[in-house]
Amino acid sequence: MSVMRTHAPEVSGSRPPRVREQAREVLLLMAFSAAVSVGCALLLVLTHLASGSGR
């Protein structure tokens, strides 16, 4: 994860667009997590179908 700054934004001079970067990181993490979940579900379904047809 990213490191948070410990000083206030006023100290650095200007407010950086850090919120957008954090939102982008969170969205990427959510998309990756959803892709892994869908992949696991597909793998389970495929193994279930493969074991069912082998009987």
PDB file of N, CA and C in Angstrom:
ATOM      1  N   MET A   1       0.844  -1.186   0.000  1.00  0.00           N
ATOM      2  CA  MET A   1       0.000   0.000   0.000  1.00  0.00           C
ATOM      3  C   MET A   1       0.883   1.241   0.000  1.00  0.00           C
ATOM      4  N   SER A   2       0.273   2.385  -0.257  1.00  0.00           N
ATOM      5  CA  SER A   2       1.036   3.614  -0.326  1.00  0.00           C
ATOM      6  C   SER A   2       1.255   4.201   1.064  1.00  0.00           C
ATOM      7  N   VAL A   3       2.283   4.995   1.176  1.00  0.00           N
ATOM      8  CA  VAL A   3       2.623   5.616   2.456  1.00  0.00           C
ATOM      9  C   VAL A   3       1.883   6.933   2.576  1.00  0.00           C
ATOM     10  N   MET A   4       1.252   7.146   3.709  1.00  0.00           N
ATOM     11  CA  MET A   4       0.519   8.389   3.948  1.00  0.00           C
ATOM     12  C   MET A   4       1.473   9.447   4.503  1.00  0.00           C
ATOM     13  N   ARG A   5       1.234  10.694   4.138  1.00  0.00           N
ATOM     14  CA  ARG A   5       2.057  11.771   4.673  1.00  0.00           C
ATOM     15  C   ARG A   5       1.598  12.126   6.076  1.00  0.00           C
ATOM     16  N   THR A   6       2.547  12.504   6.921  1.00  0.00           N
ATOM     17  CA  THR A   6       2.204  12.814   8.309  1.00  0.00           C
ATOM     18  C   THR A   6       1.971  14.294   8.532  1.00  0.00           C
ATOM     19  N   HIS A   7       2.396  15.157   7.591  1.00  0.00           N
ATOM     20  CA  HIS A   7       2.190  16.590   7.787  1.00  0.00           C
ATOM     21  C   HIS A   7       0.950  17.061   7.047  1.00  0.00           C
ATOM     22  N   ALA A   8       0.432  18.195   7.491  1.00  0.00           N
ATOM     23  CA  ALA A   8      -0.797  18.738   6.905  1.00  0.00           C
ATOM     24  C   ALA A   8      -0.525  19.241   5.492  1.00  0.00           C
ATOM     25  N   PRO A   9      -1.562  19.303   4.642  1.00  0.00           N
ATOM     26  CA  PRO A   9      -1.361  19.792   3.262  1.00  0.00           C
ATOM     27  C   PRO A   9      -0.889  21.238   3.201  1.00  0.00           C
ATOM     28  N   GLU A  10      -1.242  22.052   4.206  1.00  0.00           N
ATOM     29  CA  GLU A  10      -0.830  23.458   4.181  1.00  0.00           C
ATOM     30  C   GLU A  10       0.684  23.579   4.284  1.00  0.00           C
ATOM     31  N   VAL A  11       1.312  22.620   4.959  1.00  0.00           N
ATOM     32  CA  VAL A  11       2.757  22.676   5.163  1.00  0.00           C
ATOM     33  C   VAL A  11       3.486  22.477   3.838  1.00  0.00           C
ATOM     34  N   SER A  12       2.983  21.626   2.995  1.00  0.00           N
ATOM     35  CA  SER A  12       3.655  21.331   1.733  1.00  0.00           C
ATOM     36  C   SER A  12       3.483  22.449   0.712  1.00  0.00           C
ATOM     37  N   GLY A  13       2.589  23.377   0.950  1.00  0.00           N
ATOM     38  CA  GLY A  13       2.439  24.512   0.042  1.00  0.00           C
ATOM     39  C   GLY A  13       1.149  24.458  -0.751  1.00  0.00           C
ATOM     40  N   SER A  14       0.870  23.367  -1.412  1.00  0.00           N
ATOM     41  CA  SER A  14      -0.370  23.252  -2.182  1.00  0.00           C
ATOM     42  C   SER A  14      -0.969  21.879  -1.956  1.00  0.00           C
ATOM     43  N   ARG A  15      -2.246  21.774  -2.225  1.00  0.00           N
ATOM     44  CA  ARG A  15      -2.928  20.489  -2.033  1.00  0.00           C
ATOM     45  C   ARG A  15      -2.734  19.621  -3.259  1.00  0.00           C
ATOM     46  N   PRO A  16      -2.021  18.537  -3.132  1.00  0.00           N
ATOM     47  CA  PRO A  16      -1.824  17.667  -4.303  1.00  0.00           C
ATOM     48  C   PRO A  16      -3.085  16.856  -4.602  1.00  0.00           C
ATOM     49  N   PRO A  17      -3.261  16.445  -5.848  1.00  0.00           N
ATOM     50  CA  PRO A  17      -4.443  15.630  -6.200  1.00  0.00           C
ATOM     51  C   PRO A  17      -4.267  14.185  -5.760  1.00  0.00           C
ATOM     52  N   ARG A  18      -3.997  13.990  -4.470  1.00  0.00           N
ATOM     53  CA  ARG A  18      -3.729  12.657  -3.944  1.00  0.00           C
ATOM     54  C   ARG A  18      -4.999  11.822  -3.885  1.00  0.00           C
ATOM     55  N   VAL A  19      -6.154  12.464  -3.731  1.00  0.00           N
ATOM     56  CA  VAL A  19      -7.412  11.722  -3.601  1.00  0.00           C
ATOM     57  C   VAL A  19      -7.697  10.937  -4.870  1.00  0.00           C
ATOM     58  N   ARG A  20      -7.405  11.541  -6.015  1.00  0.00           N
ATOM     59  CA  ARG A  20      -7.625  10.836  -7.282  1.00  0.00           C
ATOM     60  C   ARG A  20      -6.730   9.627  -7.409  1.00  0.00           C
ATOM     61  N   GLU A  21      -5.476   9.778  -7.001  1.00  0.00           N
ATOM     62  CA  GLU A  21      -4.552   8.643  -7.073  1.00  0.00           C
ATOM     63  C   GLU A  21      -5.017   7.517  -6.160  1.00  0.00           C
ATOM     64  N   GLN A  22      -5.470   7.868  -4.958  1.00  0.00           N
ATOM     65  CA  GLN A  22      -5.957   6.842  -4.035  1.00  0.00           C
ATOM     66  C   GLN A  22      -7.207   6.172  -4.588  1.00  0.00           C
ATOM     67  N   ALA A  23      -8.102   6.959  -5.182  1.00  0.00           N
ATOM     68  CA  ALA A  23      -9.318   6.383  -5.760  1.00  0.00           C
ATOM     69  C   ALA A  23      -8.960   5.435  -6.903  1.00  0.00           C
ATOM     70  N   ARG A  24      -7.966   5.813  -7.705  1.00  0.00           N
ATOM     71  CA  ARG A  24      -7.550   4.953  -8.802  1.00  0.00           C
ATOM     72  C   ARG A  24      -6.955   3.654  -8.279  1.00  0.00           C
ATOM     73  N   GLU A  25      -6.141   3.752  -7.225  1.00  0.00           N
ATOM     74  CA  GLU A  25      -5.558   2.549  -6.628  1.00  0.00           C
ATOM     75  C   GLU A  25      -6.640   1.636  -6.069  1.00  0.00           C
ATOM     76  N   VAL A  26      -7.635   2.231  -5.418  1.00  0.00           N
ATOM     77  CA  VAL A  26      -8.718   1.434  -4.835  1.00  0.00           C
ATOM     78  C   VAL A  26      -9.523   0.755  -5.934  1.00  0.00           C
ATOM     79  N   LEU A  27      -9.811   1.482  -7.011  1.00  0.00           N
ATOM     80  CA  LEU A  27     -10.564   0.885  -8.116  1.00  0.00           C
ATOM     81  C   LEU A  27      -9.783  -0.250  -8.775  1.00  0.00           C
ATOM     82  N   LEU A  28      -8.480  -0.063  -8.931  1.00  0.00           N
ATOM     83  CA  LEU A  28      -7.665  -1.139  -9.505  1.00  0.00           C
ATOM     84  C   LEU A  28      -7.660  -2.358  -8.597  1.00  0.00           C
ATOM     85  N   LEU A  29      -7.566  -2.123  -7.297  1.00  0.00           N
ATOM     86  CA  LEU A  29      -7.580  -3.240  -6.359  1.00  0.00           C
ATOM     87  C   LEU A  29      -8.920  -3.962  -6.383  1.00  0.00           C
ATOM     88  N   MET A  30     -10.013  -3.198  -6.462  1.00  0.00           N
ATOM     89  CA  MET A  30     -11.343  -3.813  -6.523  1.00  0.00           C
ATOM     90  C   MET A  30     -11.520  -4.594  -7.819  1.00  0.00           C
ATOM     91  N   ALA A  31     -11.034  -4.050  -8.925  1.00  0.00           N
ATOM     92  CA  ALA A  31     -11.149  -4.754 -10.204  1.00  0.00           C
ATOM     93  C   ALA A  31     -10.332  -6.043 -10.188  1.00  0.00           C
ATOM     94  N   PHE A  32      -9.136  -5.982  -9.616  1.00  0.00           N
ATOM     95  CA  PHE A  32      -8.306  -7.180  -9.519  1.00  0.00           C
ATOM     96  C   PHE A  32      -8.975  -8.229  -8.640  1.00  0.00           C
ATOM     97  N   SER A  33      -9.535  -7.784  -7.519  1.00  0.00           N
ATOM     98  CA  SER A  33     -10.208  -8.707  -6.605  1.00  0.00           C
ATOM     99  C   SER A  33     -11.421  -9.350  -7.278  1.00  0.00           C
ATOM    100  N   ALA A  34     -12.179  -8.557  -8.021  1.00  0.00           N
ATOM    101  CA  ALA A  34     -13.342  -9.100  -8.722  1.00  0.00           C
ATOM    102  C   ALA A  34     -12.908 -10.100  -9.792  1.00  0.00           C
ATOM    103  N   ALA A  35     -11.820  -9.792 -10.491  1.00  0.00           N
ATOM    104  CA  ALA A  35     -11.331 -10.709 -11.522  1.00  0.00           C
ATOM    105  C   ALA A  35     -10.879 -12.029 -10.909  1.00  0.00           C
ATOM    106  N   VAL A  36     -10.218 -11.969  -9.767  1.00  0.00           N
ATOM    107  CA  VAL A  36      -9.787 -13.199  -9.096  1.00  0.00           C
ATOM    108  C   VAL A  36     -10.999 -14.000  -8.647  1.00  0.00           C
ATOM    109  N   SER A  37     -12.011 -13.312  -8.113  1.00  0.00           N
ATOM    110  CA  SER A  37     -13.219 -14.009  -7.660  1.00  0.00           C
ATOM    111  C   SER A  37     -13.937 -14.691  -8.820  1.00  0.00           C
ATOM    112  N   VAL A  38     -14.071 -13.984  -9.931  1.00  0.00           N
ATOM    113  CA  VAL A  38     -14.731 -14.566 -11.100  1.00  0.00           C
ATOM    114  C   VAL A  38     -13.914 -15.738 -11.635  1.00  0.00           C
ATOM    115  N   GLY A  39     -12.599 -15.594 -11.644  1.00  0.00           N
ATOM    116  CA  GLY A  39     -11.749 -16.688 -12.098  1.00  0.00           C
ATOM    117  C   GLY A  39     -11.894 -17.928 -11.230  1.00  0.00           C
ATOM    118  N   CYS A  40     -11.950 -17.732  -9.919  1.00  0.00           N
ATOM    119  CA  CYS A  40     -12.132 -18.879  -9.011  1.00  0.00           C
ATOM    120  C   CYS A  40     -13.497 -19.528  -9.217  1.00  0.00           C
ATOM    121  N   ALA A  41     -14.522 -18.712  -9.391  1.00  0.00           N
ATOM    122  CA  ALA A  41     -15.860 -19.262  -9.613  1.00  0.00           C
ATOM    123  C   ALA A  41     -15.899 -20.061 -10.915  1.00  0.00           C
ATOM    124  N   LEU A  42     -15.292 -19.534 -11.964  1.00  0.00           N
ATOM    125  CA  LEU A  42     -15.246 -20.263 -13.234  1.00  0.00           C
ATOM    126  C   LEU A  42     -14.481 -21.574 -13.096  1.00  0.00           C
ATOM    127  N   LEU A  43     -13.379 -21.538 -12.363  1.00  0.00           N
ATOM    128  CA  LEU A  43     -12.605 -22.755 -12.149  1.00  0.00           C
ATOM    129  C   LEU A  43     -13.422 -23.797 -11.400  1.00  0.00           C
ATOM    130  N   LEU A  44     -14.165 -23.370 -10.390  1.00  0.00           N
ATOM    131  CA  LEU A  44     -15.016 -24.301  -9.649  1.00  0.00           C
ATOM    132  C   LEU A  44     -16.094 -24.902 -10.540  1.00  0.00           C
ATOM    133  N   VAL A  45     -16.726 -24.062 -11.358  1.00  0.00           N
ATOM    134  CA  VAL A  45     -17.775 -24.555 -12.250  1.00  0.00           C
ATOM    135  C   VAL A  45     -17.194 -25.535 -13.263  1.00  0.00           C
ATOM    136  N   LEU A  46     -16.044 -25.185 -13.829  1.00  0.00           N
ATOM    137  CA  LEU A  46     -15.431 -26.076 -14.820  1.00  0.00           C
ATOM    138  C   LEU A  46     -15.023 -27.410 -14.211  1.00  0.00           C
ATOM    139  N   THR A  47     -14.458 -27.392 -13.010  1.00  0.00           N
ATOM    140  CA  THR A  47     -14.082 -28.662 -12.380  1.00  0.00           C
ATOM    141  C   THR A  47     -15.317 -29.471 -12.012  1.00  0.00           C
ATOM    142  N   HIS A  48     -16.386 -28.781 -11.631  1.00  0.00           N
ATOM    143  CA  HIS A  48     -17.626 -29.491 -11.310  1.00  0.00           C
ATOM    144  C   HIS A  48     -18.204 -30.149 -12.563  1.00  0.00           C
ATOM    145  N   LEU A  49     -18.212 -29.404 -13.661  1.00  0.00           N
ATOM    146  CA  LEU A  49     -18.727 -29.964 -14.911  1.00  0.00           C
ATOM    147  C   LEU A  49     -17.837 -31.100 -15.410  1.00  0.00           C
ATOM    148  N   ALA A  50     -16.536 -30.957 -15.261  1.00  0.00           N
ATOM    149  CA  ALA A  50     -15.619 -32.000 -15.724  1.00  0.00           C
ATOM    150  C   ALA A  50     -15.776 -33.270 -14.892  1.00  0.00           C
ATOM    151  N   SER A  51     -15.962 -33.121 -13.594  1.00  0.00           N
ATOM    152  CA  SER A  51     -16.114 -34.312 -12.757  1.00  0.00           C
ATOM    153  C   SER A  51     -17.493 -34.945 -12.954  1.00  0.00           C
ATOM    154  N   GLY A  52     -18.488 -34.136 -13.295  1.00  0.00           N
ATOM    155  CA  GLY A  52     -19.828 -34.670 -13.533  1.00  0.00           C
ATOM    156  C   GLY A  52     -19.919 -35.426 -14.834  1.00  0.00           C
ATOM    157  N   SER A  53     -19.191 -34.981 -15.856  1.00  0.00           N
ATOM    158  CA  SER A  53     -19.266 -35.656 -17.154  1.00  0.00           C
ATOM    159  C   SER A  53     -18.393 -36.908 -17.188  1.00  0.00           C
ATOM    160  N   GLY A  54     -17.473 -37.046 -16.233  1.00  0.00           N
ATOM    161  CA  GLY A  54     -16.588 -38.200 -16.220  1.00  0.00           C
ATOM    162  C   GLY A  54     -17.210 -39.435 -15.602  1.00  0.00           C
ATOM    163  N   ARG A  55     -18.377 -39.305 -15.030  1.00  0.00           N
ATOM    164  CA  ARG A  55     -19.003 -40.455 -14.358  1.00  0.00           C
ATOM    165  C   ARG A  55     -19.589 -41.451 -15.312  1.00  0.00           C
TER     166      ARG A  55
END
